[in-house]
Amino acid sequence: NKSKKYFCVSTDKAANPVNMMGASK
């Protein structure tokens, strides 16, 4: 649909993840 920008939320837990939630992000 030719949007200008897509934004989404990750998590601090994605930095060197130790749990599945952080790893999924």
PDBML (XML) file of the C-alpha atoms, coordinates in Angstrom:
<?xml version="1.0" encoding="UTF-8" ?>
<PDBx:datablock datablockName="MODEL"
   xmlns:PDBx="http://pdbml.pdb.org/schema/pdbx-v50.xsd"
   xmlns:xsi="http://www.w3.org/2001/XMLSchema-instance"
   xsi:schemaLocation="http://pdbml.pdb.org/schema/pdbx-v50.xsd pdbx-v50.xsd">
   <PDBx:atom_siteCategory>
      <PDBx:atom_site id="1">
         <PDBx:B_iso_or_equiv>0.00</PDBx:B_iso_or_equiv>
         <PDBx:Cartn_x>0.000</PDBx:Cartn_x>
         <PDBx:Cartn_y>0.000</PDBx:Cartn_y>
         <PDBx:Cartn_z>0.000</PDBx:Cartn_z>
         <PDBx:auth_asym_id>A</PDBx:auth_asym_id>
         <PDBx:auth_atom_id>CA</PDBx:auth_atom_id>
         <PDBx:auth_comp_id>ASN</PDBx:auth_comp_id>
         <PDBx:auth_seq_id>1</PDBx:auth_seq_id>
         <PDBx:group_PDB>ATOM</PDBx:group_PDB>
         <PDBx:label_alt_id xsi:nil="true" />
         <PDBx:label_asym_id>A</PDBx:label_asym_id>
         <PDBx:label_atom_id>CA</PDBx:label_atom_id>
         <PDBx:label_comp_id>ASN</PDBx:label_comp_id>
         <PDBx:label_entity_id>1</PDBx:label_entity_id>
         <PDBx:label_seq_id>1</PDBx:label_seq_id>
         <PDBx:occupancy>1.00</PDBx:occupancy>
         <PDBx:pdbx_PDB_model_num>1</PDBx:pdbx_PDB_model_num>
         <PDBx:type_symbol>C</PDBx:type_symbol>
      </PDBx:atom_site>
      <PDBx:atom_site id="2">
         <PDBx:B_iso_or_equiv>0.00</PDBx:B_iso_or_equiv>
         <PDBx:Cartn_x>3.088</PDBx:Cartn_x>
         <PDBx:Cartn_y>2.224</PDBx:Cartn_y>
         <PDBx:Cartn_z>-0.346</PDBx:Cartn_z>
         <PDBx:auth_asym_id>A</PDBx:auth_asym_id>
         <PDBx:auth_atom_id>CA</PDBx:auth_atom_id>
         <PDBx:auth_comp_id>LYS</PDBx:auth_comp_id>
         <PDBx:auth_seq_id>2</PDBx:auth_seq_id>
         <PDBx:group_PDB>ATOM</PDBx:group_PDB>
         <PDBx:label_alt_id xsi:nil="true" />
         <PDBx:label_asym_id>A</PDBx:label_asym_id>
         <PDBx:label_atom_id>CA</PDBx:label_atom_id>
         <PDBx:label_comp_id>LYS</PDBx:label_comp_id>
         <PDBx:label_entity_id>1</PDBx:label_entity_id>
         <PDBx:label_seq_id>2</PDBx:label_seq_id>
         <PDBx:occupancy>1.00</PDBx:occupancy>
         <PDBx:pdbx_PDB_model_num>1</PDBx:pdbx_PDB_model_num>
         <PDBx:type_symbol>C</PDBx:type_symbol>
      </PDBx:atom_site>
      <PDBx:atom_site id="3">
         <PDBx:B_iso_or_equiv>0.00</PDBx:B_iso_or_equiv>
         <PDBx:Cartn_x>3.223</PDBx:Cartn_x>
         <PDBx:Cartn_y>3.489</PDBx:Cartn_y>
         <PDBx:Cartn_z>3.226</PDBx:Cartn_z>
         <PDBx:auth_asym_id>A</PDBx:auth_asym_id>
         <PDBx:auth_atom_id>CA</PDBx:auth_atom_id>
         <PDBx:auth_comp_id>SER</PDBx:auth_comp_id>
         <PDBx:auth_seq_id>3</PDBx:auth_seq_id>
         <PDBx:group_PDB>ATOM</PDBx:group_PDB>
         <PDBx:label_alt_id xsi:nil="true" />
         <PDBx:label_asym_id>A</PDBx:label_asym_id>
         <PDBx:label_atom_id>CA</PDBx:label_atom_id>
         <PDBx:label_comp_id>SER</PDBx:label_comp_id>
         <PDBx:label_entity_id>1</PDBx:label_entity_id>
         <PDBx:label_seq_id>3</PDBx:label_seq_id>
         <PDBx:occupancy>1.00</PDBx:occupancy>
         <PDBx:pdbx_PDB_model_num>1</PDBx:pdbx_PDB_model_num>
         <PDBx:type_symbol>C</PDBx:type_symbol>
      </PDBx:atom_site>
      <PDBx:atom_site id="4">
         <PDBx:B_iso_or_equiv>0.00</PDBx:B_iso_or_equiv>
         <PDBx:Cartn_x>6.061</PDBx:Cartn_x>
         <PDBx:Cartn_y>5.903</PDBx:Cartn_y>
         <PDBx:Cartn_z>4.004</PDBx:Cartn_z>
         <PDBx:auth_asym_id>A</PDBx:auth_asym_id>
         <PDBx:auth_atom_id>CA</PDBx:auth_atom_id>
         <PDBx:auth_comp_id>LYS</PDBx:auth_comp_id>
         <PDBx:auth_seq_id>4</PDBx:auth_seq_id>
         <PDBx:group_PDB>ATOM</PDBx:group_PDB>
         <PDBx:label_alt_id xsi:nil="true" />
         <PDBx:label_asym_id>A</PDBx:label_asym_id>
         <PDBx:label_atom_id>CA</PDBx:label_atom_id>
         <PDBx:label_comp_id>LYS</PDBx:label_comp_id>
         <PDBx:label_entity_id>1</PDBx:label_entity_id>
         <PDBx:label_seq_id>4</PDBx:label_seq_id>
         <PDBx:occupancy>1.00</PDBx:occupancy>
         <PDBx:pdbx_PDB_model_num>1</PDBx:pdbx_PDB_model_num>
         <PDBx:type_symbol>C</PDBx:type_symbol>
      </PDBx:atom_site>
      <PDBx:atom_site id="5">
         <PDBx:B_iso_or_equiv>0.00</PDBx:B_iso_or_equiv>
         <PDBx:Cartn_x>7.158</PDBx:Cartn_x>
         <PDBx:Cartn_y>4.245</PDBx:Cartn_y>
         <PDBx:Cartn_z>7.202</PDBx:Cartn_z>
         <PDBx:auth_asym_id>A</PDBx:auth_asym_id>
         <PDBx:auth_atom_id>CA</PDBx:auth_atom_id>
         <PDBx:auth_comp_id>LYS</PDBx:auth_comp_id>
         <PDBx:auth_seq_id>5</PDBx:auth_seq_id>
         <PDBx:group_PDB>ATOM</PDBx:group_PDB>
         <PDBx:label_alt_id xsi:nil="true" />
         <PDBx:label_asym_id>A</PDBx:label_asym_id>
         <PDBx:label_atom_id>CA</PDBx:label_atom_id>
         <PDBx:label_comp_id>LYS</PDBx:label_comp_id>
         <PDBx:label_entity_id>1</PDBx:label_entity_id>
         <PDBx:label_seq_id>5</PDBx:label_seq_id>
         <PDBx:occupancy>1.00</PDBx:occupancy>
         <PDBx:pdbx_PDB_model_num>1</PDBx:pdbx_PDB_model_num>
         <PDBx:type_symbol>C</PDBx:type_symbol>
      </PDBx:atom_site>
      <PDBx:atom_site id="6">
         <PDBx:B_iso_or_equiv>0.00</PDBx:B_iso_or_equiv>
         <PDBx:Cartn_x>6.620</PDBx:Cartn_x>
         <PDBx:Cartn_y>1.149</PDBx:Cartn_y>
         <PDBx:Cartn_z>9.339</PDBx:Cartn_z>
         <PDBx:auth_asym_id>A</PDBx:auth_asym_id>
         <PDBx:auth_atom_id>CA</PDBx:auth_atom_id>
         <PDBx:auth_comp_id>TYR</PDBx:auth_comp_id>
         <PDBx:auth_seq_id>6</PDBx:auth_seq_id>
         <PDBx:group_PDB>ATOM</PDBx:group_PDB>
         <PDBx:label_alt_id xsi:nil="true" />
         <PDBx:label_asym_id>A</PDBx:label_asym_id>
         <PDBx:label_atom_id>CA</PDBx:label_atom_id>
         <PDBx:label_comp_id>TYR</PDBx:label_comp_id>
         <PDBx:label_entity_id>1</PDBx:label_entity_id>
         <PDBx:label_seq_id>6</PDBx:label_seq_id>
         <PDBx:occupancy>1.00</PDBx:occupancy>
         <PDBx:pdbx_PDB_model_num>1</PDBx:pdbx_PDB_model_num>
         <PDBx:type_symbol>C</PDBx:type_symbol>
      </PDBx:atom_site>
      <PDBx:atom_site id="7">
         <PDBx:B_iso_or_equiv>0.00</PDBx:B_iso_or_equiv>
         <PDBx:Cartn_x>7.384</PDBx:Cartn_x>
         <PDBx:Cartn_y>1.256</PDBx:Cartn_y>
         <PDBx:Cartn_z>13.053</PDBx:Cartn_z>
         <PDBx:auth_asym_id>A</PDBx:auth_asym_id>
         <PDBx:auth_atom_id>CA</PDBx:auth_atom_id>
         <PDBx:auth_comp_id>PHE</PDBx:auth_comp_id>
         <PDBx:auth_seq_id>7</PDBx:auth_seq_id>
         <PDBx:group_PDB>ATOM</PDBx:group_PDB>
         <PDBx:label_alt_id xsi:nil="true" />
         <PDBx:label_asym_id>A</PDBx:label_asym_id>
         <PDBx:label_atom_id>CA</PDBx:label_atom_id>
         <PDBx:label_comp_id>PHE</PDBx:label_comp_id>
         <PDBx:label_entity_id>1</PDBx:label_entity_id>
         <PDBx:label_seq_id>7</PDBx:label_seq_id>
         <PDBx:occupancy>1.00</PDBx:occupancy>
         <PDBx:pdbx_PDB_model_num>1</PDBx:pdbx_PDB_model_num>
         <PDBx:type_symbol>C</PDBx:type_symbol>
      </PDBx:atom_site>
      <PDBx:atom_site id="8">
         <PDBx:B_iso_or_equiv>0.00</PDBx:B_iso_or_equiv>
         <PDBx:Cartn_x>7.269</PDBx:Cartn_x>
         <PDBx:Cartn_y>-1.614</PDBx:Cartn_y>
         <PDBx:Cartn_z>15.542</PDBx:Cartn_z>
         <PDBx:auth_asym_id>A</PDBx:auth_asym_id>
         <PDBx:auth_atom_id>CA</PDBx:auth_atom_id>
         <PDBx:auth_comp_id>CYS</PDBx:auth_comp_id>
         <PDBx:auth_seq_id>8</PDBx:auth_seq_id>
         <PDBx:group_PDB>ATOM</PDBx:group_PDB>
         <PDBx:label_alt_id xsi:nil="true" />
         <PDBx:label_asym_id>A</PDBx:label_asym_id>
         <PDBx:label_atom_id>CA</PDBx:label_atom_id>
         <PDBx:label_comp_id>CYS</PDBx:label_comp_id>
         <PDBx:label_entity_id>1</PDBx:label_entity_id>
         <PDBx:label_seq_id>8</PDBx:label_seq_id>
         <PDBx:occupancy>1.00</PDBx:occupancy>
         <PDBx:pdbx_PDB_model_num>1</PDBx:pdbx_PDB_model_num>
         <PDBx:type_symbol>C</PDBx:type_symbol>
      </PDBx:atom_site>
      <PDBx:atom_site id="9">
         <PDBx:B_iso_or_equiv>0.00</PDBx:B_iso_or_equiv>
         <PDBx:Cartn_x>8.201</PDBx:Cartn_x>
         <PDBx:Cartn_y>-2.212</PDBx:Cartn_y>
         <PDBx:Cartn_z>19.157</PDBx:Cartn_z>
         <PDBx:auth_asym_id>A</PDBx:auth_asym_id>
         <PDBx:auth_atom_id>CA</PDBx:auth_atom_id>
         <PDBx:auth_comp_id>VAL</PDBx:auth_comp_id>
         <PDBx:auth_seq_id>9</PDBx:auth_seq_id>
         <PDBx:group_PDB>ATOM</PDBx:group_PDB>
         <PDBx:label_alt_id xsi:nil="true" />
         <PDBx:label_asym_id>A</PDBx:label_asym_id>
         <PDBx:label_atom_id>CA</PDBx:label_atom_id>
         <PDBx:label_comp_id>VAL</PDBx:label_comp_id>
         <PDBx:label_entity_id>1</PDBx:label_entity_id>
         <PDBx:label_seq_id>9</PDBx:label_seq_id>
         <PDBx:occupancy>1.00</PDBx:occupancy>
         <PDBx:pdbx_PDB_model_num>1</PDBx:pdbx_PDB_model_num>
         <PDBx:type_symbol>C</PDBx:type_symbol>
      </PDBx:atom_site>
      <PDBx:atom_site id="10">
         <PDBx:B_iso_or_equiv>0.00</PDBx:B_iso_or_equiv>
         <PDBx:Cartn_x>11.023</PDBx:Cartn_x>
         <PDBx:Cartn_y>-4.504</PDBx:Cartn_y>
         <PDBx:Cartn_z>20.118</PDBx:Cartn_z>
         <PDBx:auth_asym_id>A</PDBx:auth_asym_id>
         <PDBx:auth_atom_id>CA</PDBx:auth_atom_id>
         <PDBx:auth_comp_id>SER</PDBx:auth_comp_id>
         <PDBx:auth_seq_id>10</PDBx:auth_seq_id>
         <PDBx:group_PDB>ATOM</PDBx:group_PDB>
         <PDBx:label_alt_id xsi:nil="true" />
         <PDBx:label_asym_id>A</PDBx:label_asym_id>
         <PDBx:label_atom_id>CA</PDBx:label_atom_id>
         <PDBx:label_comp_id>SER</PDBx:label_comp_id>
         <PDBx:label_entity_id>1</PDBx:label_entity_id>
         <PDBx:label_seq_id>10</PDBx:label_seq_id>
         <PDBx:occupancy>1.00</PDBx:occupancy>
         <PDBx:pdbx_PDB_model_num>1</PDBx:pdbx_PDB_model_num>
         <PDBx:type_symbol>C</PDBx:type_symbol>
      </PDBx:atom_site>
      <PDBx:atom_site id="11">
         <PDBx:B_iso_or_equiv>0.00</PDBx:B_iso_or_equiv>
         <PDBx:Cartn_x>12.266</PDBx:Cartn_x>
         <PDBx:Cartn_y>-4.910</PDBx:Cartn_y>
         <PDBx:Cartn_z>23.705</PDBx:Cartn_z>
         <PDBx:auth_asym_id>A</PDBx:auth_asym_id>
         <PDBx:auth_atom_id>CA</PDBx:auth_atom_id>
         <PDBx:auth_comp_id>THR</PDBx:auth_comp_id>
         <PDBx:auth_seq_id>11</PDBx:auth_seq_id>
         <PDBx:group_PDB>ATOM</PDBx:group_PDB>
         <PDBx:label_alt_id xsi:nil="true" />
         <PDBx:label_asym_id>A</PDBx:label_asym_id>
         <PDBx:label_atom_id>CA</PDBx:label_atom_id>
         <PDBx:label_comp_id>THR</PDBx:label_comp_id>
         <PDBx:label_entity_id>1</PDBx:label_entity_id>
         <PDBx:label_seq_id>11</PDBx:label_seq_id>
         <PDBx:occupancy>1.00</PDBx:occupancy>
         <PDBx:pdbx_PDB_model_num>1</PDBx:pdbx_PDB_model_num>
         <PDBx:type_symbol>C</PDBx:type_symbol>
      </PDBx:atom_site>
      <PDBx:atom_site id="12">
         <PDBx:B_iso_or_equiv>0.00</PDBx:B_iso_or_equiv>
         <PDBx:Cartn_x>15.372</PDBx:Cartn_x>
         <PDBx:Cartn_y>-4.444</PDBx:Cartn_y>
         <PDBx:Cartn_z>25.821</PDBx:Cartn_z>
         <PDBx:auth_asym_id>A</PDBx:auth_asym_id>
         <PDBx:auth_atom_id>CA</PDBx:auth_atom_id>
         <PDBx:auth_comp_id>ASP</PDBx:auth_comp_id>
         <PDBx:auth_seq_id>12</PDBx:auth_seq_id>
         <PDBx:group_PDB>ATOM</PDBx:group_PDB>
         <PDBx:label_alt_id xsi:nil="true" />
         <PDBx:label_asym_id>A</PDBx:label_asym_id>
         <PDBx:label_atom_id>CA</PDBx:label_atom_id>
         <PDBx:label_comp_id>ASP</PDBx:label_comp_id>
         <PDBx:label_entity_id>1</PDBx:label_entity_id>
         <PDBx:label_seq_id>12</PDBx:label_seq_id>
         <PDBx:occupancy>1.00</PDBx:occupancy>
         <PDBx:pdbx_PDB_model_num>1</PDBx:pdbx_PDB_model_num>
         <PDBx:type_symbol>C</PDBx:type_symbol>
      </PDBx:atom_site>
      <PDBx:atom_site id="13">
         <PDBx:B_iso_or_equiv>0.00</PDBx:B_iso_or_equiv>
         <PDBx:Cartn_x>15.175</PDBx:Cartn_x>
         <PDBx:Cartn_y>-8.228</PDBx:Cartn_y>
         <PDBx:Cartn_z>26.232</PDBx:Cartn_z>
         <PDBx:auth_asym_id>A</PDBx:auth_asym_id>
         <PDBx:auth_atom_id>CA</PDBx:auth_atom_id>
         <PDBx:auth_comp_id>LYS</PDBx:auth_comp_id>
         <PDBx:auth_seq_id>13</PDBx:auth_seq_id>
         <PDBx:group_PDB>ATOM</PDBx:group_PDB>
         <PDBx:label_alt_id xsi:nil="true" />
         <PDBx:label_asym_id>A</PDBx:label_asym_id>
         <PDBx:label_atom_id>CA</PDBx:label_atom_id>
         <PDBx:label_comp_id>LYS</PDBx:label_comp_id>
         <PDBx:label_entity_id>1</PDBx:label_entity_id>
         <PDBx:label_seq_id>13</PDBx:label_seq_id>
         <PDBx:occupancy>1.00</PDBx:occupancy>
         <PDBx:pdbx_PDB_model_num>1</PDBx:pdbx_PDB_model_num>
         <PDBx:type_symbol>C</PDBx:type_symbol>
      </PDBx:atom_site>
      <PDBx:atom_site id="14">
         <PDBx:B_iso_or_equiv>0.00</PDBx:B_iso_or_equiv>
         <PDBx:Cartn_x>16.154</PDBx:Cartn_x>
         <PDBx:Cartn_y>-8.596</PDBx:Cartn_y>
         <PDBx:Cartn_z>22.536</PDBx:Cartn_z>
         <PDBx:auth_asym_id>A</PDBx:auth_asym_id>
         <PDBx:auth_atom_id>CA</PDBx:auth_atom_id>
         <PDBx:auth_comp_id>ALA</PDBx:auth_comp_id>
         <PDBx:auth_seq_id>14</PDBx:auth_seq_id>
         <PDBx:group_PDB>ATOM</PDBx:group_PDB>
         <PDBx:label_alt_id xsi:nil="true" />
         <PDBx:label_asym_id>A</PDBx:label_asym_id>
         <PDBx:label_atom_id>CA</PDBx:label_atom_id>
         <PDBx:label_comp_id>ALA</PDBx:label_comp_id>
         <PDBx:label_entity_id>1</PDBx:label_entity_id>
         <PDBx:label_seq_id>14</PDBx:label_seq_id>
         <PDBx:occupancy>1.00</PDBx:occupancy>
         <PDBx:pdbx_PDB_model_num>1</PDBx:pdbx_PDB_model_num>
         <PDBx:type_symbol>C</PDBx:type_symbol>
      </PDBx:atom_site>
      <PDBx:atom_site id="15">
         <PDBx:B_iso_or_equiv>0.00</PDBx:B_iso_or_equiv>
         <PDBx:Cartn_x>19.689</PDBx:Cartn_x>
         <PDBx:Cartn_y>-7.446</PDBx:Cartn_y>
         <PDBx:Cartn_z>23.394</PDBx:Cartn_z>
         <PDBx:auth_asym_id>A</PDBx:auth_asym_id>
         <PDBx:auth_atom_id>CA</PDBx:auth_atom_id>
         <PDBx:auth_comp_id>ALA</PDBx:auth_comp_id>
         <PDBx:auth_seq_id>15</PDBx:auth_seq_id>
         <PDBx:group_PDB>ATOM</PDBx:group_PDB>
         <PDBx:label_alt_id xsi:nil="true" />
         <PDBx:label_asym_id>A</PDBx:label_asym_id>
         <PDBx:label_atom_id>CA</PDBx:label_atom_id>
         <PDBx:label_comp_id>ALA</PDBx:label_comp_id>
         <PDBx:label_entity_id>1</PDBx:label_entity_id>
         <PDBx:label_seq_id>15</PDBx:label_seq_id>
         <PDBx:occupancy>1.00</PDBx:occupancy>
         <PDBx:pdbx_PDB_model_num>1</PDBx:pdbx_PDB_model_num>
         <PDBx:type_symbol>C</PDBx:type_symbol>
      </PDBx:atom_site>
      <PDBx:atom_site id="16">
         <PDBx:B_iso_or_equiv>0.00</PDBx:B_iso_or_equiv>
         <PDBx:Cartn_x>21.556</PDBx:Cartn_x>
         <PDBx:Cartn_y>-10.668</PDBx:Cartn_y>
         <PDBx:Cartn_z>24.254</PDBx:Cartn_z>
         <PDBx:auth_asym_id>A</PDBx:auth_asym_id>
         <PDBx:auth_atom_id>CA</PDBx:auth_atom_id>
         <PDBx:auth_comp_id>ASN</PDBx:auth_comp_id>
         <PDBx:auth_seq_id>16</PDBx:auth_seq_id>
         <PDBx:group_PDB>ATOM</PDBx:group_PDB>
         <PDBx:label_alt_id xsi:nil="true" />
         <PDBx:label_asym_id>A</PDBx:label_asym_id>
         <PDBx:label_atom_id>CA</PDBx:label_atom_id>
         <PDBx:label_comp_id>ASN</PDBx:label_comp_id>
         <PDBx:label_entity_id>1</PDBx:label_entity_id>
         <PDBx:label_seq_id>16</PDBx:label_seq_id>
         <PDBx:occupancy>1.00</PDBx:occupancy>
         <PDBx:pdbx_PDB_model_num>1</PDBx:pdbx_PDB_model_num>
         <PDBx:type_symbol>C</PDBx:type_symbol>
      </PDBx:atom_site>
      <PDBx:atom_site id="17">
         <PDBx:B_iso_or_equiv>0.00</PDBx:B_iso_or_equiv>
         <PDBx:Cartn_x>18.269</PDBx:Cartn_x>
         <PDBx:Cartn_y>-12.511</PDBx:Cartn_y>
         <PDBx:Cartn_z>24.911</PDBx:Cartn_z>
         <PDBx:auth_asym_id>A</PDBx:auth_asym_id>
         <PDBx:auth_atom_id>CA</PDBx:auth_atom_id>
         <PDBx:auth_comp_id>PRO</PDBx:auth_comp_id>
         <PDBx:auth_seq_id>17</PDBx:auth_seq_id>
         <PDBx:group_PDB>ATOM</PDBx:group_PDB>
         <PDBx:label_alt_id xsi:nil="true" />
         <PDBx:label_asym_id>A</PDBx:label_asym_id>
         <PDBx:label_atom_id>CA</PDBx:label_atom_id>
         <PDBx:label_comp_id>PRO</PDBx:label_comp_id>
         <PDBx:label_entity_id>1</PDBx:label_entity_id>
         <PDBx:label_seq_id>17</PDBx:label_seq_id>
         <PDBx:occupancy>1.00</PDBx:occupancy>
         <PDBx:pdbx_PDB_model_num>1</PDBx:pdbx_PDB_model_num>
         <PDBx:type_symbol>C</PDBx:type_symbol>
      </PDBx:atom_site>
      <PDBx:atom_site id="18">
         <PDBx:B_iso_or_equiv>0.00</PDBx:B_iso_or_equiv>
         <PDBx:Cartn_x>17.935</PDBx:Cartn_x>
         <PDBx:Cartn_y>-15.127</PDBx:Cartn_y>
         <PDBx:Cartn_z>27.659</PDBx:Cartn_z>
         <PDBx:auth_asym_id>A</PDBx:auth_asym_id>
         <PDBx:auth_atom_id>CA</PDBx:auth_atom_id>
         <PDBx:auth_comp_id>VAL</PDBx:auth_comp_id>
         <PDBx:auth_seq_id>18</PDBx:auth_seq_id>
         <PDBx:group_PDB>ATOM</PDBx:group_PDB>
         <PDBx:label_alt_id xsi:nil="true" />
         <PDBx:label_asym_id>A</PDBx:label_asym_id>
         <PDBx:label_atom_id>CA</PDBx:label_atom_id>
         <PDBx:label_comp_id>VAL</PDBx:label_comp_id>
         <PDBx:label_entity_id>1</PDBx:label_entity_id>
         <PDBx:label_seq_id>18</PDBx:label_seq_id>
         <PDBx:occupancy>1.00</PDBx:occupancy>
         <PDBx:pdbx_PDB_model_num>1</PDBx:pdbx_PDB_model_num>
         <PDBx:type_symbol>C</PDBx:type_symbol>
      </PDBx:atom_site>
      <PDBx:atom_site id="19">
         <PDBx:B_iso_or_equiv>0.00</PDBx:B_iso_or_equiv>
         <PDBx:Cartn_x>14.201</PDBx:Cartn_x>
         <PDBx:Cartn_y>-15.846</PDBx:Cartn_y>
         <PDBx:Cartn_z>27.295</PDBx:Cartn_z>
         <PDBx:auth_asym_id>A</PDBx:auth_asym_id>
         <PDBx:auth_atom_id>CA</PDBx:auth_atom_id>
         <PDBx:auth_comp_id>ASN</PDBx:auth_comp_id>
         <PDBx:auth_seq_id>19</PDBx:auth_seq_id>
         <PDBx:group_PDB>ATOM</PDBx:group_PDB>
         <PDBx:label_alt_id xsi:nil="true" />
         <PDBx:label_asym_id>A</PDBx:label_asym_id>
         <PDBx:label_atom_id>CA</PDBx:label_atom_id>
         <PDBx:label_comp_id>ASN</PDBx:label_comp_id>
         <PDBx:label_entity_id>1</PDBx:label_entity_id>
         <PDBx:label_seq_id>19</PDBx:label_seq_id>
         <PDBx:occupancy>1.00</PDBx:occupancy>
         <PDBx:pdbx_PDB_model_num>1</PDBx:pdbx_PDB_model_num>
         <PDBx:type_symbol>C</PDBx:type_symbol>
      </PDBx:atom_site>
      <PDBx:atom_site id="20">
         <PDBx:B_iso_or_equiv>0.00</PDBx:B_iso_or_equiv>
         <PDBx:Cartn_x>11.905</PDBx:Cartn_x>
         <PDBx:Cartn_y>-16.832</PDBx:Cartn_y>
         <PDBx:Cartn_z>24.454</PDBx:Cartn_z>
         <PDBx:auth_asym_id>A</PDBx:auth_asym_id>
         <PDBx:auth_atom_id>CA</PDBx:auth_atom_id>
         <PDBx:auth_comp_id>MET</PDBx:auth_comp_id>
         <PDBx:auth_seq_id>20</PDBx:auth_seq_id>
         <PDBx:group_PDB>ATOM</PDBx:group_PDB>
         <PDBx:label_alt_id xsi:nil="true" />
         <PDBx:label_asym_id>A</PDBx:label_asym_id>
         <PDBx:label_atom_id>CA</PDBx:label_atom_id>
         <PDBx:label_comp_id>MET</PDBx:label_comp_id>
         <PDBx:label_entity_id>1</PDBx:label_entity_id>
         <PDBx:label_seq_id>20</PDBx:label_seq_id>
         <PDBx:occupancy>1.00</PDBx:occupancy>
         <PDBx:pdbx_PDB_model_num>1</PDBx:pdbx_PDB_model_num>
         <PDBx:type_symbol>C</PDBx:type_symbol>
      </PDBx:atom_site>
      <PDBx:atom_site id="21">
         <PDBx:B_iso_or_equiv>0.00</PDBx:B_iso_or_equiv>
         <PDBx:Cartn_x>10.020</PDBx:Cartn_x>
         <PDBx:Cartn_y>-13.529</PDBx:Cartn_y>
         <PDBx:Cartn_z>24.468</PDBx:Cartn_z>
         <PDBx:auth_asym_id>A</PDBx:auth_asym_id>
         <PDBx:auth_atom_id>CA</PDBx:auth_atom_id>
         <PDBx:auth_comp_id>MET</PDBx:auth_comp_id>
         <PDBx:auth_seq_id>21</PDBx:auth_seq_id>
         <PDBx:group_PDB>ATOM</PDBx:group_PDB>
         <PDBx:label_alt_id xsi:nil="true" />
         <PDBx:label_asym_id>A</PDBx:label_asym_id>
         <PDBx:label_atom_id>CA</PDBx:label_atom_id>
         <PDBx:label_comp_id>MET</PDBx:label_comp_id>
         <PDBx:label_entity_id>1</PDBx:label_entity_id>
         <PDBx:label_seq_id>21</PDBx:label_seq_id>
         <PDBx:occupancy>1.00</PDBx:occupancy>
         <PDBx:pdbx_PDB_model_num>1</PDBx:pdbx_PDB_model_num>
         <PDBx:type_symbol>C</PDBx:type_symbol>
      </PDBx:atom_site>
      <PDBx:atom_site id="22">
         <PDBx:B_iso_or_equiv>0.00</PDBx:B_iso_or_equiv>
         <PDBx:Cartn_x>13.227</PDBx:Cartn_x>
         <PDBx:Cartn_y>-11.528</PDBx:Cartn_y>
         <PDBx:Cartn_z>24.030</PDBx:Cartn_z>
         <PDBx:auth_asym_id>A</PDBx:auth_asym_id>
         <PDBx:auth_atom_id>CA</PDBx:auth_atom_id>
         <PDBx:auth_comp_id>GLY</PDBx:auth_comp_id>
         <PDBx:auth_seq_id>22</PDBx:auth_seq_id>
         <PDBx:group_PDB>ATOM</PDBx:group_PDB>
         <PDBx:label_alt_id xsi:nil="true" />
         <PDBx:label_asym_id>A</PDBx:label_asym_id>
         <PDBx:label_atom_id>CA</PDBx:label_atom_id>
         <PDBx:label_comp_id>GLY</PDBx:label_comp_id>
         <PDBx:label_entity_id>1</PDBx:label_entity_id>
         <PDBx:label_seq_id>22</PDBx:label_seq_id>
         <PDBx:occupancy>1.00</PDBx:occupancy>
         <PDBx:pdbx_PDB_model_num>1</PDBx:pdbx_PDB_model_num>
         <PDBx:type_symbol>C</PDBx:type_symbol>
      </PDBx:atom_site>
      <PDBx:atom_site id="23">
         <PDBx:B_iso_or_equiv>0.00</PDBx:B_iso_or_equiv>
         <PDBx:Cartn_x>14.463</PDBx:Cartn_x>
         <PDBx:Cartn_y>-13.976</PDBx:Cartn_y>
         <PDBx:Cartn_z>21.401</PDBx:Cartn_z>
         <PDBx:auth_asym_id>A</PDBx:auth_asym_id>
         <PDBx:auth_atom_id>CA</PDBx:auth_atom_id>
         <PDBx:auth_comp_id>ALA</PDBx:auth_comp_id>
         <PDBx:auth_seq_id>23</PDBx:auth_seq_id>
         <PDBx:group_PDB>ATOM</PDBx:group_PDB>
         <PDBx:label_alt_id xsi:nil="true" />
         <PDBx:label_asym_id>A</PDBx:label_asym_id>
         <PDBx:label_atom_id>CA</PDBx:label_atom_id>
         <PDBx:label_comp_id>ALA</PDBx:label_comp_id>
         <PDBx:label_entity_id>1</PDBx:label_entity_id>
         <PDBx:label_seq_id>23</PDBx:label_seq_id>
         <PDBx:occupancy>1.00</PDBx:occupancy>
         <PDBx:pdbx_PDB_model_num>1</PDBx:pdbx_PDB_model_num>
         <PDBx:type_symbol>C</PDBx:type_symbol>
      </PDBx:atom_site>
      <PDBx:atom_site id="24">
         <PDBx:B_iso_or_equiv>0.00</PDBx:B_iso_or_equiv>
         <PDBx:Cartn_x>11.165</PDBx:Cartn_x>
         <PDBx:Cartn_y>-13.743</PDBx:Cartn_y>
         <PDBx:Cartn_z>19.476</PDBx:Cartn_z>
         <PDBx:auth_asym_id>A</PDBx:auth_asym_id>
         <PDBx:auth_atom_id>CA</PDBx:auth_atom_id>
         <PDBx:auth_comp_id>SER</PDBx:auth_comp_id>
         <PDBx:auth_seq_id>24</PDBx:auth_seq_id>
         <PDBx:group_PDB>ATOM</PDBx:group_PDB>
         <PDBx:label_alt_id xsi:nil="true" />
         <PDBx:label_asym_id>A</PDBx:label_asym_id>
         <PDBx:label_atom_id>CA</PDBx:label_atom_id>
         <PDBx:label_comp_id>SER</PDBx:label_comp_id>
         <PDBx:label_entity_id>1</PDBx:label_entity_id>
         <PDBx:label_seq_id>24</PDBx:label_seq_id>
         <PDBx:occupancy>1.00</PDBx:occupancy>
         <PDBx:pdbx_PDB_model_num>1</PDBx:pdbx_PDB_model_num>
         <PDBx:type_symbol>C</PDBx:type_symbol>
      </PDBx:atom_site>
      <PDBx:atom_site id="25">
         <PDBx:B_iso_or_equiv>0.00</PDBx:B_iso_or_equiv>
         <PDBx:Cartn_x>11.626</PDBx:Cartn_x>
         <PDBx:Cartn_y>-9.969</PDBx:Cartn_y>
         <PDBx:Cartn_z>19.314</PDBx:Cartn_z>
         <PDBx:auth_asym_id>A</PDBx:auth_asym_id>
         <PDBx:auth_atom_id>CA</PDBx:auth_atom_id>
         <PDBx:auth_comp_id>LYS</PDBx:auth_comp_id>
         <PDBx:auth_seq_id>25</PDBx:auth_seq_id>
         <PDBx:group_PDB>ATOM</PDBx:group_PDB>
         <PDBx:label_alt_id xsi:nil="true" />
         <PDBx:label_asym_id>A</PDBx:label_asym_id>
         <PDBx:label_atom_id>CA</PDBx:label_atom_id>
         <PDBx:label_comp_id>LYS</PDBx:label_comp_id>
         <PDBx:label_entity_id>1</PDBx:label_entity_id>
         <PDBx:label_seq_id>25</PDBx:label_seq_id>
         <PDBx:occupancy>1.00</PDBx:occupancy>
         <PDBx:pdbx_PDB_model_num>1</PDBx:pdbx_PDB_model_num>
         <PDBx:type_symbol>C</PDBx:type_symbol>
      </PDBx:atom_site>
   </PDBx:atom_siteCategory>
</PDBx:datablock>
